[in-house]
């Protein structure tokens, strides 16, 4: 009996040591990417500048690191899985993203949740696939985070990932920078990791510049103060860019609903989740606006819940992706492209616009 008790004690002690060692590893390896960093521009654009008065197309698309086909559910939303089904499945999803991009034919595009390398995306370089699909565009990759190996869920750990934001432009991008966003400082930081936005400068023929701001705000943080701090920094920077005489366009996933009556439009619960609070429109810098005309009437969602496989009738759906424009940009039309969530848990949003 003593031997049995001793054996159990040794086993429990070993487990405690392993868990303690892993927790220590997480905190020791945790790091923040420095703020205000220059970004490399992969140059392939044939057009030197954009022109005022001409109608252009923009697209924003959270590609869900190529891992969310319609049959997929995600453990953080109460679903089953943590990793993509396979590398082949990721490549199929990226092929669909590229096909959709080519159909929309955007002059500028914003992508979120793009993995350069990751266990969750089966080590497929998604940045390279997006670049290959747009051979006549400049491309900027801004790393959102570089996570340690996350050993949860235990049955299939989500692992490590180097992921970020990709911005492309058919006109030359002359410079780009990455700016850090506030995140949780308690243990939640291990789940939310880094958050950032990038600002890419595209020259305009009248001597001004179009500043393309790509952003993906926190989804699962329970701390609304963190979300508000992220908006505050984003709004501060875009206001300053406009004050400098530029055109400013933000494209991204805000993890806040961009139409007030989304629950009624999509027949879903009015109780906000951590990623469905109303977008703080009243806090936008003076003159800035979100183009939302026709979105409620069309009733095409830009994001679905991942608690279960996609079902048009029963899945949670909302609209959390879109654009923010400075007063000197005119929105001609905005629409959500209905892909049936074939390639991601998001649908892309298309904007037609003119630089005044």
Protein backbone atom coordinates (compact mmCIF):
# COMPACT_ATOMS: atom_id res chain seq x y z
CA UNK A 1 0.00 0.00 0.00
CA UNK A 2 2.85 2.36 0.86
CA UNK A 3 4.41 1.68 -2.52
CA UNK A 4 1.11 2.51 -4.27
CA UNK A 5 0.73 5.76 -2.34
CA UNK A 6 4.35 6.62 -3.02
CA UNK A 7 3.88 5.94 -6.73
CA UNK A 8 0.78 8.13 -6.89
CA UNK A 9 2.64 10.87 -5.06
CA UNK A 10 5.54 10.69 -7.50
CA UNK A 11 3.14 10.78 -10.45
CA UNK A 12 1.25 13.77 -9.11
CA UNK A 13 4.51 15.54 -8.34
CA UNK A 14 5.76 14.93 -11.86
CA UNK A 15 2.56 16.34 -13.35
CA UNK A 16 2.80 19.42 -11.12
CA UNK A 17 6.41 19.96 -12.17
CA UNK A 18 5.54 19.64 -15.86
CA UNK A 19 2.61 22.07 -15.58
CA UNK A 20 4.65 24.53 -13.53
CA UNK A 21 7.51 24.28 -16.00
CA UNK A 22 5.19 24.91 -18.94
CA UNK A 23 3.57 27.93 -17.28
CA UNK A 24 7.05 29.25 -16.55
CA UNK A 25 8.00 28.71 -20.20
CA UNK A 26 4.92 30.66 -21.38
CA UNK A 27 5.67 33.67 -19.23
CA UNK A 28 9.42 33.54 -19.90
CA UNK A 29 8.94 33.34 -23.67
CA UNK A 30 6.22 36.00 -23.80
CA UNK A 31 7.38 39.11 -25.60
CA UNK A 32 5.91 42.13 -27.33
CA UNK A 33 6.90 43.18 -30.82
CA UNK A 34 8.32 46.73 -30.47
CA UNK A 35 6.09 49.68 -31.36
CA UNK A 36 6.59 51.91 -34.41
CA UNK A 37 8.59 49.61 -36.68
CA UNK A 38 9.34 50.11 -40.41
CA UNK A 39 7.97 47.38 -42.67
CA UNK A 40 9.43 45.88 -45.81
CA UNK A 41 7.51 46.51 -49.03
CA UNK A 42 7.59 43.70 -51.58
CA UNK A 43 7.41 45.74 -54.76
CA UNK A 44 5.59 44.52 -57.86
CA UNK A 45 3.12 47.31 -58.66
CA UNK A 46 3.20 48.71 -62.18
CA UNK A 47 1.19 51.87 -61.36
CA UNK A 48 3.12 54.70 -59.71
CA UNK A 49 0.25 56.71 -58.21
CA UNK A 50 -3.51 56.82 -57.68
CA UNK A 51 -5.55 59.66 -59.21
CA UNK A 52 -8.21 61.91 -57.67
CA UNK A 53 -11.67 61.65 -59.19
CA UNK A 54 -11.21 58.09 -60.39
CA UNK A 55 -13.29 55.26 -58.93
CA UNK A 56 -11.27 52.49 -57.26
CA UNK A 57 -12.07 49.28 -55.41
CA UNK A 58 -10.94 48.24 -51.96
CA UNK A 59 -11.47 44.92 -50.20
CA UNK A 60 -11.00 43.78 -46.61
CA UNK A 61 -10.94 40.07 -45.79
CA UNK A 62 -10.15 38.17 -42.60
CA UNK A 63 -9.01 34.85 -44.06
CA UNK A 64 -9.02 32.96 -40.75
CA UNK A 65 -5.49 31.65 -41.45
CA UNK A 66 -6.99 29.40 -44.11
CA UNK A 67 -8.32 26.96 -41.53
CA UNK A 68 -12.08 27.51 -41.34
CA UNK A 69 -14.09 25.75 -44.06
CA UNK A 70 -17.89 25.55 -43.52
CA UNK A 71 -17.64 22.24 -41.65
CA UNK A 72 -15.15 23.65 -39.09
CA UNK A 73 -15.81 24.68 -35.48
CA UNK A 74 -13.23 26.33 -33.19
CA UNK A 75 -12.53 25.45 -29.56
CA UNK A 76 -12.31 29.09 -28.42
CA UNK A 77 -15.93 29.56 -29.57
CA UNK A 78 -17.07 26.31 -27.99
CA UNK A 79 -16.38 24.15 -31.03
CA UNK A 80 -14.20 21.07 -31.56
CA UNK A 81 -11.00 21.93 -33.39
CA UNK A 82 -7.86 24.00 -32.90
CA UNK A 83 -5.84 23.29 -36.04
CA UNK A 84 -6.61 23.16 -39.73
CA UNK A 85 -7.67 19.79 -41.05
CA UNK A 86 -4.52 19.50 -43.18
CA UNK A 87 -2.00 21.51 -45.18
CA UNK A 88 -3.96 20.62 -48.31
CA UNK A 89 -7.13 22.05 -46.75
CA UNK A 90 -5.31 25.31 -45.97
CA UNK A 91 -4.06 25.57 -49.54
CA UNK A 92 -7.60 24.97 -50.84
CA UNK A 93 -8.91 27.78 -48.65
CA UNK A 94 -6.13 30.13 -49.80
CA UNK A 95 -6.88 29.24 -53.41
CA UNK A 96 -10.48 30.29 -52.76
CA UNK A 97 -9.33 33.54 -51.14
CA UNK A 98 -7.13 34.30 -54.15
CA UNK A 99 -9.94 33.42 -56.57
CA UNK A 100 -12.32 35.72 -54.69
CA UNK A 101 -9.72 38.50 -54.75
CA UNK A 102 -9.24 38.14 -58.47
CA UNK A 103 -13.02 38.30 -59.03
CA UNK A 104 -13.35 41.47 -56.95
CA UNK A 105 -10.16 42.89 -58.55
CA UNK A 106 -9.41 45.39 -55.75
CA UNK A 107 -6.95 48.20 -56.28
CA UNK A 108 -6.11 48.00 -52.57
CA UNK A 109 -6.75 45.09 -50.23
CA UNK A 110 -6.51 44.40 -46.51
CA UNK A 111 -6.15 40.87 -45.16
CA UNK A 112 -6.17 39.75 -41.53
CA UNK A 113 -5.17 36.50 -39.80
CA UNK A 114 -2.55 35.62 -42.38
CA UNK A 115 -0.05 33.04 -41.10
CA UNK A 116 3.50 33.12 -42.34
CA UNK A 117 4.11 29.97 -40.32
CA UNK A 118 2.04 28.18 -37.71
CA UNK A 119 1.12 24.81 -36.25
CA UNK A 120 -2.55 25.80 -36.47
CA UNK A 121 -2.25 26.38 -40.24
CA UNK A 122 -0.03 23.35 -40.84
CA UNK A 123 3.03 25.49 -41.65
CA UNK A 124 1.65 26.81 -44.94
CA UNK A 125 3.17 30.20 -45.86
CA UNK A 126 -0.02 32.09 -46.60
CA UNK A 127 1.76 35.40 -47.23
CA UNK A 128 3.57 33.81 -50.16
CA UNK A 129 0.32 32.42 -51.57
CA UNK A 130 -1.38 35.82 -51.42
CA UNK A 131 1.63 37.42 -53.11
CA UNK A 132 1.61 34.80 -55.86
CA UNK A 133 -2.09 35.46 -56.45
CA UNK A 134 -1.50 39.21 -56.94
CA UNK A 135 1.65 39.42 -59.07
CA UNK A 136 1.08 43.07 -60.05
CA UNK A 137 0.63 44.49 -56.56
CA UNK A 138 2.95 45.77 -53.86
CA UNK A 139 2.59 43.81 -50.64
CA UNK A 140 3.29 44.60 -46.98
CA UNK A 141 3.23 42.04 -44.18
CA UNK A 142 2.89 43.36 -40.63
CA UNK A 143 3.36 40.77 -37.93
CA UNK A 144 0.50 40.82 -35.45
CA UNK A 145 2.07 38.30 -33.13
CA UNK A 146 4.75 35.66 -32.70
CA UNK A 147 3.35 33.27 -30.12
CA UNK A 148 5.04 30.67 -27.97
CA UNK A 149 3.83 27.08 -28.21
CA UNK A 150 0.36 27.11 -26.65
CA UNK A 151 -0.37 23.65 -25.25
CA UNK A 152 -4.15 23.85 -25.36
CA UNK A 153 -6.43 22.20 -25.94
CA UNK A 154 -4.39 19.29 -24.60
CA UNK A 155 -5.73 16.79 -27.14
CA UNK A 156 -4.55 18.90 -30.08
CA UNK A 157 -2.57 21.98 -29.04
CA UNK A 158 -2.99 25.06 -31.19
CA UNK A 159 0.79 25.44 -30.97
CA UNK A 160 2.94 28.36 -32.10
CA UNK A 161 2.21 30.86 -34.86
CA UNK A 162 3.71 33.82 -36.68
CA UNK A 163 0.71 35.68 -37.99
CA UNK A 164 -0.24 39.13 -39.16
CA UNK A 165 -1.77 41.59 -41.56
CA UNK A 166 -1.23 41.78 -45.31
CA UNK A 167 -1.88 44.95 -47.30
CA UNK A 168 -1.67 45.02 -51.10
CA UNK A 169 -1.88 47.84 -53.64
CA UNK A 170 -1.80 47.99 -57.41
CA UNK A 171 -0.20 51.41 -57.03
CA UNK A 172 3.22 51.80 -55.47
CA UNK A 173 3.52 51.67 -51.68
CA UNK A 174 6.31 54.10 -50.85
CA UNK A 175 6.62 53.27 -47.13
CA UNK A 176 4.92 51.30 -44.36
CA UNK A 177 5.07 51.06 -40.57
CA UNK A 178 3.67 48.84 -37.83
CA UNK A 179 2.17 50.23 -34.61
CA UNK A 180 1.49 48.24 -31.47
CA UNK A 181 -1.97 48.20 -29.87
CA UNK A 182 -2.72 47.85 -26.15
CA UNK A 183 -3.51 44.31 -24.97
CA UNK A 184 -4.30 42.59 -21.68
CA UNK A 185 -1.55 42.64 -19.08
CA UNK A 186 -2.84 39.75 -16.93
CA UNK A 187 -2.90 36.06 -17.87
CA UNK A 188 -5.28 36.85 -20.76
CA UNK A 189 -2.26 38.20 -22.66
CA UNK A 190 -1.24 34.59 -23.30
CA UNK A 191 -4.47 34.08 -25.23
CA UNK A 192 -4.78 37.40 -27.05
CA UNK A 193 -1.07 37.90 -27.73
CA UNK A 194 0.02 41.00 -29.65
CA UNK A 195 -2.28 43.29 -31.58
CA UNK A 196 -1.17 45.89 -34.10
CA UNK A 197 -2.14 47.98 -37.08
CA UNK A 198 -0.10 48.88 -40.14
CA UNK A 199 -0.03 52.14 -42.09
CA UNK A 200 1.04 51.94 -45.74
CA UNK A 201 1.62 55.07 -47.83
CA UNK A 202 0.45 55.18 -51.46
CA UNK A 203 1.33 58.34 -53.45
CA UNK A 204 -1.51 60.22 -55.17
CA UNK A 205 -1.02 62.20 -58.38
CA UNK A 206 -1.97 65.51 -56.71
CA UNK A 207 1.00 65.32 -54.35
CA UNK A 208 -0.93 63.87 -51.41
CA UNK A 209 -0.86 60.28 -50.17
CA UNK A 210 -3.45 57.63 -49.42
CA UNK A 211 -2.68 56.04 -46.04
CA UNK A 212 -3.90 52.43 -45.95
CA UNK A 213 -4.49 51.32 -42.35
CA UNK A 214 -4.90 47.58 -41.78
CA UNK A 215 -6.21 46.52 -38.38
CA UNK A 216 -7.51 43.47 -36.50
CA UNK A 217 -8.75 44.30 -33.00
CA UNK A 218 -9.02 41.90 -30.07
CA UNK A 219 -11.82 39.36 -30.12
CA UNK A 220 -11.75 37.28 -26.96
CA UNK A 221 -10.57 39.72 -24.30
CA UNK A 222 -13.24 40.18 -21.59
CA UNK A 223 -11.73 43.58 -20.79
CA UNK A 224 -13.63 46.30 -22.63
CA UNK A 225 -11.13 48.88 -21.35
CA UNK A 226 -8.49 47.18 -23.51
CA UNK A 227 -10.79 47.35 -26.54
CA UNK A 228 -11.45 51.03 -25.91
CA UNK A 229 -7.71 51.70 -25.57
CA UNK A 230 -7.14 50.03 -28.94
CA UNK A 231 -9.74 52.26 -30.59
CA UNK A 232 -8.25 55.33 -28.89
CA UNK A 233 -4.79 54.70 -30.34
CA UNK A 234 -6.11 53.82 -33.79
CA UNK A 235 -8.28 56.95 -33.91
CA UNK A 236 -5.41 59.14 -32.71
CA UNK A 237 -3.13 57.97 -35.50
CA UNK A 238 -5.65 58.25 -38.31
CA UNK A 239 -6.65 61.75 -37.17
CA UNK A 240 -2.98 62.79 -37.26
CA UNK A 241 -2.50 61.28 -40.74
CA UNK A 242 -5.50 63.24 -42.05
CA UNK A 243 -4.31 66.43 -40.36
CA UNK A 244 -1.05 66.05 -42.30
CA UNK A 245 -3.04 66.43 -45.54
CA UNK A 246 -3.47 62.77 -46.47
CA UNK A 247 -6.37 60.60 -47.53
CA UNK A 248 -6.92 57.90 -44.90
CA UNK A 249 -8.64 54.53 -45.33
CA UNK A 250 -8.92 51.91 -42.60
CA UNK A 251 -9.84 48.37 -43.55
CA UNK A 252 -10.15 45.50 -41.15
CA UNK A 253 -11.86 43.26 -38.65
CA UNK A 254 -12.99 45.39 -35.70
CA UNK A 255 -14.59 42.60 -33.68
CA UNK A 256 -17.38 45.13 -33.08
CA UNK A 257 -20.58 45.18 -35.10
CA UNK A 258 -20.63 47.95 -37.68
CA UNK A 259 -24.42 48.15 -38.09
CA UNK A 260 -26.42 48.96 -34.98
CA UNK A 261 -29.33 46.64 -35.68
CA UNK A 262 -27.23 43.59 -36.58
CA UNK A 263 -29.14 41.28 -34.17
CA UNK A 264 -32.44 42.18 -35.87
CA UNK A 265 -30.97 42.00 -39.38
CA UNK A 266 -29.44 38.56 -38.86
CA UNK A 267 -32.02 37.27 -36.34
CA UNK A 268 -29.49 36.57 -33.63
CA UNK A 269 -29.17 37.26 -29.92
CA UNK A 270 -29.00 40.86 -28.72
CA UNK A 271 -26.63 39.87 -25.90
CA UNK A 272 -23.14 41.02 -26.95
CA UNK A 273 -20.28 38.55 -27.06
CA UNK A 274 -16.73 39.78 -26.48
CA UNK A 275 -16.46 40.38 -30.24
CA UNK A 276 -19.92 41.80 -31.00
CA UNK A 277 -20.19 45.03 -28.99
CA UNK A 278 -21.40 48.02 -31.05
CA UNK A 279 -18.69 49.92 -32.91
CA UNK A 280 -18.02 53.27 -31.17
CA UNK A 281 -18.98 55.45 -34.14
CA UNK A 282 -19.38 58.54 -31.94
CA UNK A 283 -15.68 58.32 -31.02
CA UNK A 284 -14.41 58.54 -34.61
CA UNK A 285 -12.25 61.61 -35.34
CA UNK A 286 -14.17 64.60 -36.70
CA UNK A 287 -15.35 64.01 -40.26
CA UNK A 288 -14.36 60.32 -40.38
CA UNK A 289 -17.15 57.87 -41.15
CA UNK A 290 -18.00 54.22 -41.74
CA UNK A 291 -19.69 53.54 -45.10
CA UNK A 292 -22.59 51.21 -44.31
CA UNK A 293 -25.19 52.19 -46.91
CA UNK A 294 -27.25 49.20 -48.05
CA UNK A 295 -25.57 46.67 -45.74
CA UNK A 296 -28.58 46.15 -43.47
CA UNK A 297 -30.95 45.82 -46.43
CA UNK A 298 -28.68 43.28 -48.14
CA UNK A 299 -28.35 41.31 -44.88
CA UNK A 300 -25.16 39.50 -45.91
CA UNK A 301 -23.04 38.74 -42.81
CA UNK A 302 -19.29 39.25 -42.74
CA UNK A 303 -18.62 36.78 -39.90
CA UNK A 304 -20.11 33.61 -38.46
CA UNK A 305 -19.94 31.91 -35.09
CA UNK A 306 -17.53 29.00 -34.83
CA UNK A 307 -19.29 27.05 -32.10
CA UNK A 308 -20.52 24.61 -34.75
CA UNK A 309 -20.29 24.02 -38.51
CA UNK A 310 -21.82 26.69 -40.74
CA UNK A 311 -25.59 26.59 -41.10
CA UNK A 312 -27.30 29.48 -42.92
CA UNK A 313 -30.41 29.02 -40.77
CA UNK A 314 -29.02 28.38 -37.29
CA UNK A 315 -25.45 29.73 -37.11
CA UNK A 316 -24.71 32.99 -35.33
CA UNK A 317 -23.86 35.68 -37.86
CA UNK A 318 -23.07 39.37 -37.78
CA UNK A 319 -21.17 42.16 -39.53
CA UNK A 320 -17.88 43.19 -37.91
CA UNK A 321 -15.66 43.93 -40.92
CA UNK A 322 -15.47 47.06 -43.03
CA UNK A 323 -13.93 50.46 -43.63
CA UNK A 324 -13.35 53.83 -41.98
CA UNK A 325 -12.81 56.78 -44.33
CA UNK A 326 -11.46 60.29 -43.92
CA UNK A 327 -13.71 63.16 -45.10
CA UNK A 328 -11.80 63.54 -48.38
CA UNK A 329 -12.71 60.03 -49.57
CA UNK A 330 -16.16 59.48 -51.08
CA UNK A 331 -17.76 56.06 -50.68
CA UNK A 332 -19.62 55.11 -53.84
CA UNK A 333 -20.80 51.65 -52.82
CA UNK A 334 -20.10 49.08 -50.12
CA UNK A 335 -21.16 45.45 -50.01
CA UNK A 336 -20.36 42.16 -48.34
CA UNK A 337 -19.37 39.51 -50.88
CA UNK A 338 -21.30 36.33 -50.13
CA UNK A 339 -18.84 33.45 -50.40
CA UNK A 340 -20.98 31.15 -48.29
CA UNK A 341 -18.08 31.10 -45.79
CA UNK A 342 -16.38 28.55 -48.03
CA UNK A 343 -12.83 29.77 -47.38
CA UNK A 344 -12.97 31.45 -43.98
CA UNK A 345 -15.27 32.25 -41.08
CA UNK A 346 -15.49 35.71 -42.66
CA UNK A 347 -16.84 37.07 -45.91
CA UNK A 348 -14.91 39.89 -47.63
CA UNK A 349 -16.26 43.43 -47.79
CA UNK A 350 -15.86 45.46 -51.00
CA UNK A 351 -15.82 49.24 -51.23
CA UNK A 352 -15.93 51.45 -54.33
CA UNK A 353 -14.47 54.85 -53.60
CA UNK A 354 -13.13 58.08 -55.04
CA UNK A 355 -10.38 60.34 -53.75
CA UNK A 356 -11.81 63.87 -53.75
